[in-house]
Amino acid sequence: MATPIPETGPDCDVFVLGGGPGGSTIAALLAERGWNVVIAEKERHPRFHIGESLLPLNIPLLQKLGVFEQVKRIGMPKYGAEFNSPEHGPPVTFDFSQAWDRNYPNAYEVRRSEFDEILFRHSGAKGAHTFEECRVTNVEFRAGNDVRIDARMGDGSEKTWRARFFVDASGRDTFLANRFGIKRRNRFHNSAAIYGHFTGAQRLPGKAAGNISMFWFDHGWFWFIPLLDGTTSVGAVCWPYYMKSRKTDPTTFFLDTIAMAPKLQERLRDAKLTHGVTATGNFSYRADRMHGERYIMIGDAFAFIDPVFSSGVMLAMNSAFQGADVVDASLRDPPRAPALLRRFDRSVRSGVDNFSWFIYRMTHPSIRDMFMGPSNKLRMQEAVLSLLAGDLFRGTPIHWSLRAFKSIYYFLNLLHPHRTLAAWRQRRRTLGERLTETQGP
């Protein structure tokens, strides 16, 4: 039975559900501002998480948070992104140093178990009350000013909190979106992933050794992410019809899939898998709303998109910084909160939409042509590099150049009508597929 709730006042000002990058960031920021914060993580750090590649514009956020030096010590410097296409010639590398704002020429590849633990422990160091192996089972927005949160602890005991504000940073668990019935599968994109870690993979030479590599193949694309300890994360993001074709064990299926990308297979010729292979539904989704009375959703708790541009951590941390202003105003100066909520909502949606336009089209022949034959006319290459770097929230004037890029994409589609029609039909078939065994709510 849950612990009785004292009626003398709330147990905390803010309850944060989820100890990933978004939750740990907002918990640290609010604790630093003097609020009584509780953050609950369902697992115990360090815990495995996929998504090891950070973006250059993560760096100023990590600096503001005060953890950059810690992250730098565990990170593999990443100076660019390499794209490989079987229909084109040599690979093309986009160097972050050539983006619109050249003050952030690199990012880092990190083991998420280490990275997430740094952020979580930092929230505790800033004064947040941290709970691990704490699985929230119910949230009730009661009449008045408080929120009731029920949880089951790792030892089987139950605990209840009362809070003035609730932050859902539950990631792909999408706690509130599921509870409210407002999670919508993205009808424009439908994919799944299979991945593993290798030792002995062949990396790019010299300074480029930490660069992320992307390989297109017939059924999707691969990532190749080098980590500091010599491990390389490799994964395939595929259309569901291909994943449904599996008739072998996951490891054999994964290695057979790698064989479809000869350039990647060559990089892995002398490599060995370190652990088992994992397959997961990667279905994109978005909730109908990201805030309401006494709550906000940040990061993947609101929306998840295909990871081709490594945008997940950046979007989560950015929404946490903006969300901290919203929560602070809601508690300290309520008349200011509506304007901040509108800005928060507009900014988060804009970031997701900007990445999504490119992600939905990354397998289209016209996009491949443009990425494999980049042009800086109208500063288009600088603008795309800025998007790849995560520079979407500081007012960097890239939007007209991105519009020019999109216009050329549409022009190429008109120039090659038969190819465009074939790609459209293939996408229609693809979006009709569902992986019933991994479908989420």
Protein backbone atom coordinates (compact mmCIF):
# COMPACT_ATOMS: atom_id res chain seq x y z
CA MET A 1 0.00 0.00 0.00
CA ALA A 2 1.32 3.47 -0.90
CA THR A 3 2.62 5.76 1.80
CA PRO A 4 -0.13 8.12 3.07
CA ILE A 5 0.15 11.64 1.73
CA PRO A 6 0.63 14.40 4.29
CA GLU A 7 -1.75 17.29 3.69
CA THR A 8 0.57 19.95 5.08
CA GLY A 9 2.08 20.73 1.68
CA PRO A 10 3.71 19.11 -1.34
CA ASP A 11 6.77 16.90 -0.92
CA CYS A 12 8.58 18.68 -3.75
CA ASP A 13 8.14 21.53 -6.15
CA VAL A 14 8.95 19.57 -9.31
CA PHE A 15 8.86 15.85 -10.04
CA VAL A 16 10.88 14.77 -13.08
CA LEU A 17 10.12 11.36 -14.56
CA GLY A 18 13.15 9.96 -16.40
CA GLY A 19 16.88 10.14 -15.76
CA GLY A 20 18.08 10.45 -19.35
CA PRO A 21 19.67 13.57 -20.89
CA GLY A 22 16.44 15.60 -20.93
CA GLY A 23 15.28 14.73 -17.43
CA SER A 24 18.71 15.08 -15.81
CA THR A 25 19.27 18.43 -17.53
CA ILE A 26 16.00 20.01 -16.44
CA ALA A 27 16.35 18.59 -12.92
CA ALA A 28 19.82 20.16 -12.55
CA LEU A 29 18.69 23.53 -13.93
CA LEU A 30 15.65 23.76 -11.66
CA ALA A 31 17.54 22.57 -8.57
CA GLU A 32 20.17 25.20 -9.29
CA ARG A 33 17.40 27.83 -9.25
CA GLY A 34 16.44 26.75 -5.76
CA TRP A 35 13.48 24.49 -6.42
CA ASN A 36 12.95 21.26 -4.51
CA VAL A 37 13.29 18.70 -7.31
CA VAL A 38 12.80 14.93 -7.34
CA ILE A 39 14.05 12.95 -10.36
CA ALA A 40 13.12 9.27 -10.77
CA GLU A 41 14.84 6.82 -13.14
CA LYS A 42 13.33 3.36 -13.64
CA GLU A 43 16.75 1.69 -14.05
CA ARG A 44 20.07 2.06 -12.26
CA HIS A 45 22.93 4.04 -13.78
CA PRO A 46 25.04 3.16 -15.65
CA ARG A 47 22.56 1.50 -18.02
CA PHE A 48 22.83 0.79 -21.72
CA HIS A 49 21.21 3.15 -24.19
CA ILE A 50 21.62 3.45 -27.93
CA GLY A 51 22.21 6.85 -29.58
CA GLU A 52 25.90 7.59 -28.97
CA SER A 53 26.48 10.48 -31.36
CA LEU A 54 26.25 14.09 -30.09
CA LEU A 55 25.99 17.24 -32.22
CA PRO A 56 28.29 20.31 -32.07
CA LEU A 57 25.52 22.47 -30.59
CA ASN A 58 25.30 20.04 -27.67
CA ILE A 59 28.59 21.56 -26.51
CA PRO A 60 27.30 25.00 -25.42
CA LEU A 61 24.47 23.26 -23.55
CA LEU A 62 26.95 21.00 -21.76
CA GLN A 63 29.08 24.05 -20.95
CA LYS A 64 26.10 25.93 -19.49
CA LEU A 65 25.20 22.86 -17.50
CA GLY A 66 28.75 22.60 -16.14
CA VAL A 67 29.57 19.07 -17.33
CA PHE A 68 31.47 19.68 -20.57
CA GLU A 69 34.90 18.72 -19.23
CA GLN A 70 33.53 15.44 -17.84
CA VAL A 71 31.88 14.60 -21.14
CA LYS A 72 34.99 15.58 -23.09
CA ARG A 73 37.02 13.03 -21.11
CA ILE A 74 34.76 10.14 -22.15
CA GLY A 75 34.14 11.33 -25.71
CA MET A 76 35.64 10.55 -29.10
CA PRO A 77 36.04 13.83 -31.03
CA LYS A 78 33.79 13.98 -34.08
CA TYR A 79 34.62 16.60 -36.71
CA GLY A 80 32.15 15.63 -39.40
CA ALA A 81 29.79 13.14 -40.96
CA GLU A 82 30.65 10.85 -43.88
CA PHE A 83 27.96 9.74 -46.36
CA ASN A 84 28.32 6.66 -48.57
CA SER A 85 25.98 5.78 -51.44
CA PRO A 86 26.22 2.69 -53.65
CA GLU A 87 24.86 4.65 -56.63
CA HIS A 88 27.51 7.35 -56.42
CA GLY A 89 31.26 7.63 -56.38
CA PRO A 90 33.58 8.21 -53.42
CA PRO A 91 32.13 9.08 -50.01
CA VAL A 92 31.37 12.70 -49.18
CA THR A 93 32.29 14.20 -45.81
CA PHE A 94 30.56 17.21 -44.29
CA ASP A 95 32.94 18.99 -41.91
CA PHE A 96 31.26 20.92 -39.10
CA SER A 97 33.99 23.56 -39.40
CA GLN A 98 32.35 24.64 -42.67
CA ALA A 99 28.93 25.35 -41.12
CA TRP A 100 27.40 28.82 -41.04
CA ASP A 101 28.73 29.46 -37.52
CA ARG A 102 32.24 28.04 -37.38
CA ASN A 103 32.68 28.39 -33.64
CA TYR A 104 31.62 24.78 -33.04
CA PRO A 105 33.77 22.65 -35.37
CA ASN A 106 33.33 19.34 -33.57
CA ALA A 107 31.16 17.19 -31.37
CA TYR A 108 31.74 13.89 -29.52
CA GLU A 109 30.75 10.25 -29.77
CA VAL A 110 29.98 8.92 -26.28
CA ARG A 111 28.91 5.75 -24.59
CA ARG A 112 25.43 6.66 -23.44
CA SER A 113 25.80 4.63 -20.24
CA GLU A 114 28.63 6.97 -19.21
CA PHE A 115 27.15 10.14 -20.64
CA ASP A 116 23.72 9.66 -19.08
CA GLU A 117 25.24 8.83 -15.70
CA ILE A 118 27.32 12.02 -15.75
CA LEU A 119 24.19 14.09 -16.30
CA PHE A 120 22.16 12.19 -13.72
CA ARG A 121 24.83 12.46 -11.00
CA HIS A 122 25.23 16.15 -11.87
CA SER A 123 21.55 16.75 -11.18
CA GLY A 124 22.09 15.25 -7.72
CA ALA A 125 25.17 17.41 -7.17
CA LYS A 126 23.06 20.46 -7.97
CA GLY A 127 20.58 19.51 -5.27
CA ALA A 128 17.95 17.34 -6.97
CA HIS A 129 16.80 14.31 -5.00
CA THR A 130 17.69 11.36 -7.22
CA PHE A 131 15.92 8.00 -7.17
CA GLU A 132 16.99 4.99 -9.23
CA GLU A 133 15.10 1.74 -9.80
CA CYS A 134 12.00 3.80 -9.24
CA ARG A 135 9.18 2.95 -11.63
CA VAL A 136 6.32 5.46 -11.63
CA THR A 137 3.00 3.61 -11.83
CA ASN A 138 0.48 6.43 -11.70
CA VAL A 139 0.25 10.20 -11.93
CA GLU A 140 -2.87 12.03 -10.83
CA PHE A 141 -3.45 15.72 -11.50
CA ARG A 142 -5.70 16.49 -8.58
CA ALA A 143 -8.01 19.43 -8.15
CA GLY A 144 -6.10 22.33 -6.67
CA ASN A 145 -2.39 22.82 -7.08
CA ASP A 146 -0.70 19.47 -6.65
CA VAL A 147 0.17 16.33 -8.57
CA ARG A 148 0.19 12.90 -6.97
CA ILE A 149 2.87 10.47 -8.16
CA ASP A 150 2.84 6.79 -7.17
CA ALA A 151 5.93 4.64 -7.72
CA ARG A 152 7.26 1.17 -7.07
CA MET A 153 10.86 1.00 -5.84
CA GLY A 154 13.45 -1.62 -6.75
CA ASP A 155 12.99 -3.45 -3.44
CA GLY A 156 9.26 -3.83 -4.08
CA SER A 157 8.16 -1.08 -1.71
CA GLU A 158 5.83 1.68 -2.84
CA LYS A 159 6.27 5.40 -2.48
CA THR A 160 4.08 8.43 -3.13
CA TRP A 161 5.02 12.05 -3.73
CA ARG A 162 3.04 15.23 -4.06
CA ALA A 163 4.50 17.85 -6.39
CA ARG A 164 3.50 21.25 -7.69
CA PHE A 165 4.66 20.49 -11.24
CA PHE A 166 5.37 17.35 -13.26
CA VAL A 167 7.96 16.97 -16.03
CA ASP A 168 7.60 13.94 -18.29
CA ALA A 169 11.08 13.03 -19.55
CA SER A 170 10.23 9.33 -19.83
CA GLY A 171 11.65 9.01 -23.34
CA ARG A 172 10.08 6.41 -25.59
CA ASP A 173 8.02 5.13 -22.66
CA THR A 174 5.89 8.24 -23.37
CA PHE A 175 4.25 8.02 -19.97
CA LEU A 176 1.79 10.92 -20.19
CA ALA A 177 1.11 10.61 -23.93
CA ASN A 178 0.05 6.99 -23.36
CA ARG A 179 -1.96 7.90 -20.29
CA PHE A 180 -3.81 10.67 -22.09
CA GLY A 181 -4.22 8.69 -25.32
CA ILE A 182 -2.55 11.41 -27.40
CA LYS A 183 0.41 9.51 -28.90
CA ARG A 184 0.16 9.35 -32.69
CA ARG A 185 2.27 7.12 -34.89
CA ASN A 186 3.89 9.23 -37.60
CA ARG A 187 2.16 8.36 -40.87
CA PHE A 188 5.04 9.85 -42.89
CA HIS A 189 7.77 7.62 -41.50
CA ASN A 190 7.95 4.02 -40.36
CA SER A 191 11.19 2.20 -39.61
CA ALA A 192 12.90 -0.24 -37.28
CA ALA A 193 16.51 -0.77 -36.18
CA ILE A 194 18.93 -3.63 -35.58
CA TYR A 195 22.33 -2.92 -34.06
CA GLY A 196 25.40 -4.21 -32.26
CA HIS A 197 28.87 -3.19 -31.06
CA PHE A 198 32.14 -4.28 -32.67
CA THR A 199 35.82 -4.22 -31.79
CA GLY A 200 38.48 -4.04 -34.47
CA ALA A 201 36.45 -2.03 -36.98
CA GLN A 202 38.45 -0.02 -39.50
CA ARG A 203 38.10 3.67 -38.77
CA LEU A 204 38.78 6.65 -40.97
CA PRO A 205 42.38 7.90 -40.92
CA GLY A 206 43.79 10.67 -38.74
CA LYS A 207 41.57 13.41 -37.42
CA ALA A 208 38.51 11.82 -39.05
CA ALA A 209 38.78 8.65 -36.93
CA GLY A 210 35.87 9.75 -34.74
CA ASN A 211 33.58 10.84 -37.55
CA ILE A 212 30.23 9.17 -37.90
CA SER A 213 29.72 7.33 -41.18
CA MET A 214 26.37 6.72 -42.85
CA PHE A 215 25.83 4.05 -45.53
CA TRP A 216 22.74 3.85 -47.70
CA PHE A 217 21.65 0.42 -48.89
CA ASP A 218 18.59 -1.06 -50.60
CA HIS A 219 16.45 -1.33 -47.47
CA GLY A 220 17.47 1.75 -45.46
CA TRP A 221 20.74 3.03 -44.03
CA PHE A 222 23.53 2.11 -41.58
CA TRP A 223 25.28 4.11 -38.88
CA PHE A 224 28.96 3.59 -37.95
CA ILE A 225 29.89 5.39 -34.69
CA PRO A 226 33.44 5.06 -33.28
CA LEU A 227 33.76 5.21 -29.49
CA LEU A 228 36.78 6.19 -27.40
CA ASP A 229 37.46 2.70 -25.98
CA GLY A 230 37.90 1.15 -29.44
CA THR A 231 34.33 -0.10 -29.71
CA THR A 232 32.26 0.87 -32.74
CA SER A 233 28.47 1.09 -32.69
CA VAL A 234 26.93 -0.18 -35.94
CA GLY A 235 23.25 -0.26 -36.70
CA ALA A 236 20.82 -0.56 -39.59
CA VAL A 237 17.62 1.47 -39.76
CA CYS A 238 15.39 -0.46 -42.13
CA TRP A 239 11.91 -0.42 -43.57
CA PRO A 240 9.63 -2.84 -41.71
CA TYR A 241 8.98 -5.07 -44.73
CA TYR A 242 12.67 -5.97 -44.66
CA MET A 243 12.74 -6.66 -40.92
CA LYS A 244 9.69 -8.88 -41.32
CA SER A 245 11.60 -10.96 -43.88
CA ARG A 246 13.99 -12.30 -41.19
CA LYS A 247 14.09 -16.10 -41.06
CA THR A 248 17.38 -16.52 -39.18
CA ASP A 249 18.64 -15.57 -35.72
CA PRO A 250 19.21 -11.81 -35.19
CA THR A 251 23.01 -12.02 -35.42
CA THR A 252 23.00 -13.89 -38.74
CA PHE A 253 20.34 -11.55 -40.09
CA PHE A 254 22.39 -8.51 -39.02
CA LEU A 255 25.59 -9.79 -40.61
CA ASP A 256 23.72 -10.68 -43.79
CA THR A 257 22.30 -7.17 -43.83
CA ILE A 258 25.77 -5.67 -43.44
CA ALA A 259 26.87 -7.67 -46.47
CA MET A 260 24.43 -5.59 -48.53
CA ALA A 261 26.65 -2.55 -47.95
CA PRO A 262 30.07 -3.63 -49.30
CA LYS A 263 31.89 -0.48 -48.12
CA LEU A 264 30.65 -1.04 -44.58
CA GLN A 265 31.41 -4.76 -44.74
CA GLU A 266 34.99 -3.93 -45.71
CA ARG A 267 35.30 -1.63 -42.68
CA LEU A 268 34.13 -4.54 -40.51
CA ARG A 269 36.20 -7.27 -42.21
CA ASP A 270 38.43 -7.89 -39.15
CA ALA A 271 35.88 -6.78 -36.54
CA LYS A 272 34.15 -8.91 -33.93
CA LEU A 273 30.78 -8.45 -32.24
CA THR A 274 31.26 -7.80 -28.53
CA HIS A 275 27.75 -8.71 -27.39
CA GLY A 276 24.48 -9.83 -28.88
CA VAL A 277 22.51 -8.02 -31.55
CA THR A 278 19.43 -5.98 -30.62
CA ALA A 279 16.39 -5.32 -32.80
CA THR A 280 13.87 -2.67 -31.93
CA GLY A 281 10.90 -0.88 -33.38
CA ASN A 282 12.01 2.62 -34.32
CA PHE A 283 8.58 3.94 -35.12
CA SER A 284 8.38 7.70 -35.26
CA TYR A 285 5.60 9.32 -33.27
CA ARG A 286 4.44 12.60 -31.82
CA ALA A 287 2.00 13.52 -29.08
CA ASP A 288 -0.89 15.86 -29.82
CA ARG A 289 0.37 18.28 -27.18
CA MET A 290 3.47 18.75 -25.04
CA HIS A 291 2.10 20.71 -22.09
CA GLY A 292 -0.96 21.25 -19.97
CA GLU A 293 -1.89 22.39 -16.50
CA ARG A 294 1.03 21.56 -14.19
CA TYR A 295 3.01 19.46 -16.68
CA ILE A 296 5.27 19.53 -19.73
CA MET A 297 6.79 16.79 -21.89
CA ILE A 298 10.38 17.04 -23.10
CA GLY A 299 12.53 15.05 -25.53
CA ASP A 300 11.25 11.69 -26.73
CA ALA A 301 8.36 11.85 -24.25
CA PHE A 302 6.79 14.25 -26.77
CA ALA A 303 8.20 13.12 -30.12
CA PHE A 304 10.64 10.62 -31.58
CA ILE A 305 12.09 10.78 -35.09
CA ASP A 306 14.44 8.57 -37.07
CA PRO A 307 18.01 8.93 -35.72
CA VAL A 308 19.75 9.52 -39.07
CA PHE A 309 21.00 12.96 -37.96
CA SER A 310 21.75 12.01 -34.32
CA SER A 311 19.24 14.61 -33.21
CA GLY A 312 17.77 12.87 -30.15
CA VAL A 313 20.06 14.10 -27.35
CA MET A 314 20.21 17.60 -28.84
CA LEU A 315 16.43 17.91 -29.03
CA ALA A 316 16.01 16.51 -25.52
CA MET A 317 18.55 18.82 -23.90
CA ASN A 318 17.35 21.88 -25.79
CA SER A 319 13.75 21.24 -24.74
CA ALA A 320 15.00 20.79 -21.16
CA PHE A 321 16.67 24.21 -21.15
CA GLN A 322 13.57 25.90 -22.51
CA GLY A 323 11.33 23.78 -20.33
CA ALA A 324 13.23 24.88 -17.22
CA ASP A 325 12.24 28.49 -17.96
CA VAL A 326 8.61 27.40 -18.34
CA VAL A 327 8.55 25.48 -15.05
CA ASP A 328 10.36 28.24 -13.19
CA ALA A 329 7.90 30.86 -14.41
CA SER A 330 4.90 28.63 -13.69
CA LEU A 331 5.98 28.33 -10.06
CA ARG A 332 7.55 31.74 -9.47
CA ASP A 333 5.69 34.16 -11.73
CA PRO A 334 2.57 32.52 -13.26
CA PRO A 335 1.55 35.49 -15.44
CA ARG A 336 4.79 35.02 -17.43
CA ALA A 337 4.19 31.31 -18.02
CA PRO A 338 1.75 31.40 -20.99
CA ALA A 339 4.14 33.38 -23.22
CA LEU A 340 7.04 31.07 -22.31
CA LEU A 341 4.87 28.02 -22.94
CA ARG A 342 4.01 29.28 -26.42
CA ARG A 343 7.67 29.91 -27.19
CA PHE A 344 8.62 26.49 -25.79
CA ASP A 345 5.94 24.77 -27.87
CA ARG A 346 6.84 26.66 -31.05
CA SER A 347 10.57 26.09 -30.69
CA VAL A 348 10.36 22.36 -29.92
CA ARG A 349 7.98 21.71 -32.81
CA SER A 350 10.14 23.77 -35.16
CA GLY A 351 13.24 21.73 -34.28
CA VAL A 352 11.45 18.42 -34.79
CA ASP A 353 9.94 19.64 -38.07
CA ASN A 354 13.24 20.91 -39.46
CA PHE A 355 14.98 17.59 -38.86
CA SER A 356 11.94 15.63 -40.01
CA TRP A 357 11.73 17.18 -43.49
CA PHE A 358 15.19 15.83 -44.30
CA ILE A 359 14.73 12.54 -42.47
CA TYR A 360 11.54 11.62 -44.34
CA ARG A 361 13.38 12.10 -47.64
CA MET A 362 16.82 10.66 -46.87
CA THR A 363 16.21 7.53 -48.95
CA HIS A 364 14.87 9.49 -51.93
CA PRO A 365 17.15 9.52 -55.02
CA SER A 366 17.04 13.32 -55.29
CA ILE A 367 18.28 13.78 -51.71
CA ARG A 368 21.05 11.25 -52.29
CA ASP A 369 22.13 13.17 -55.38
CA MET A 370 22.22 16.44 -53.43
CA PHE A 371 24.11 15.02 -50.45
CA MET A 372 26.60 13.18 -52.65
CA GLY A 373 27.14 16.22 -54.88
CA PRO A 374 26.91 19.14 -52.44
CA SER A 375 26.82 22.74 -53.58
CA ASN A 376 27.29 25.91 -51.55
CA LYS A 377 25.36 28.12 -53.93
CA LEU A 378 23.12 30.40 -51.90
CA ARG A 379 25.09 29.03 -48.90
CA MET A 380 23.05 25.83 -49.05
CA GLN A 381 25.87 23.56 -47.90
CA GLU A 382 26.61 25.80 -44.92
CA ALA A 383 22.92 25.76 -43.99
CA VAL A 384 22.63 21.96 -44.23
CA LEU A 385 25.81 21.62 -42.17
CA SER A 386 24.28 23.90 -39.56
CA LEU A 387 21.23 21.67 -39.43
CA LEU A 388 23.48 18.61 -39.09
CA ALA A 389 25.25 20.43 -36.25
CA GLY A 390 21.95 21.11 -34.46
CA ASP A 391 22.10 24.89 -34.94
CA LEU A 392 18.35 25.46 -35.13
CA PHE A 393 17.55 27.34 -31.95
CA ARG A 394 19.89 30.35 -31.77
CA GLY A 395 18.56 32.45 -34.62
CA THR A 396 21.37 31.56 -37.04
CA PRO A 397 19.99 32.83 -40.40
CA ILE A 398 20.00 29.52 -42.27
CA HIS A 399 16.32 29.22 -43.14
CA TRP A 400 16.37 30.96 -46.55
CA SER A 401 19.25 28.74 -47.64
CA LEU A 402 17.41 25.65 -46.42
CA ARG A 403 14.38 26.78 -48.43
CA ALA A 404 16.62 27.06 -51.49
CA PHE A 405 17.85 23.50 -50.87
CA LYS A 406 14.27 22.25 -50.64
CA SER A 407 13.33 24.09 -53.83
CA ILE A 408 16.12 22.40 -55.76
CA TYR A 409 15.01 19.05 -54.34
CA TYR A 410 11.51 19.60 -55.70
CA PHE A 411 12.94 20.76 -59.03
CA LEU A 412 15.01 17.56 -59.31
CA ASN A 413 11.87 15.54 -58.66
CA LEU A 414 10.17 17.27 -61.59
CA LEU A 415 13.27 16.78 -63.73
CA HIS A 416 13.18 13.01 -63.16
CA PRO A 417 9.45 12.18 -63.07
CA HIS A 418 9.77 8.41 -63.60
CA ARG A 419 12.33 8.06 -60.80
CA THR A 420 10.25 10.27 -58.52
CA LEU A 421 7.08 8.28 -59.20
CA ALA A 422 8.87 4.98 -58.51
CA ALA A 423 10.25 6.35 -55.23
CA TRP A 424 6.79 7.62 -54.25
CA ARG A 425 5.20 4.24 -54.92
CA GLN A 426 7.90 2.46 -52.95
CA ARG A 427 7.38 4.79 -50.02
CA ARG A 428 3.63 4.24 -50.13
CA ARG A 429 4.19 0.50 -49.92
CA THR A 430 6.72 0.94 -47.15
CA LEU A 431 4.50 3.14 -45.01
CA GLY A 432 1.76 0.54 -45.27
CA GLU A 433 3.91 -2.07 -43.55
CA ARG A 434 3.76 -2.69 -39.81
CA LEU A 435 5.96 -4.73 -37.52
CA THR A 436 3.16 -6.22 -35.46
CA GLU A 437 5.50 -7.93 -33.03
CA THR A 438 7.15 -4.65 -31.99
CA GLN A 439 4.34 -2.15 -32.37
CA GLY A 440 3.97 0.15 -29.41
CA PRO A 441 0.83 1.85 -28.19
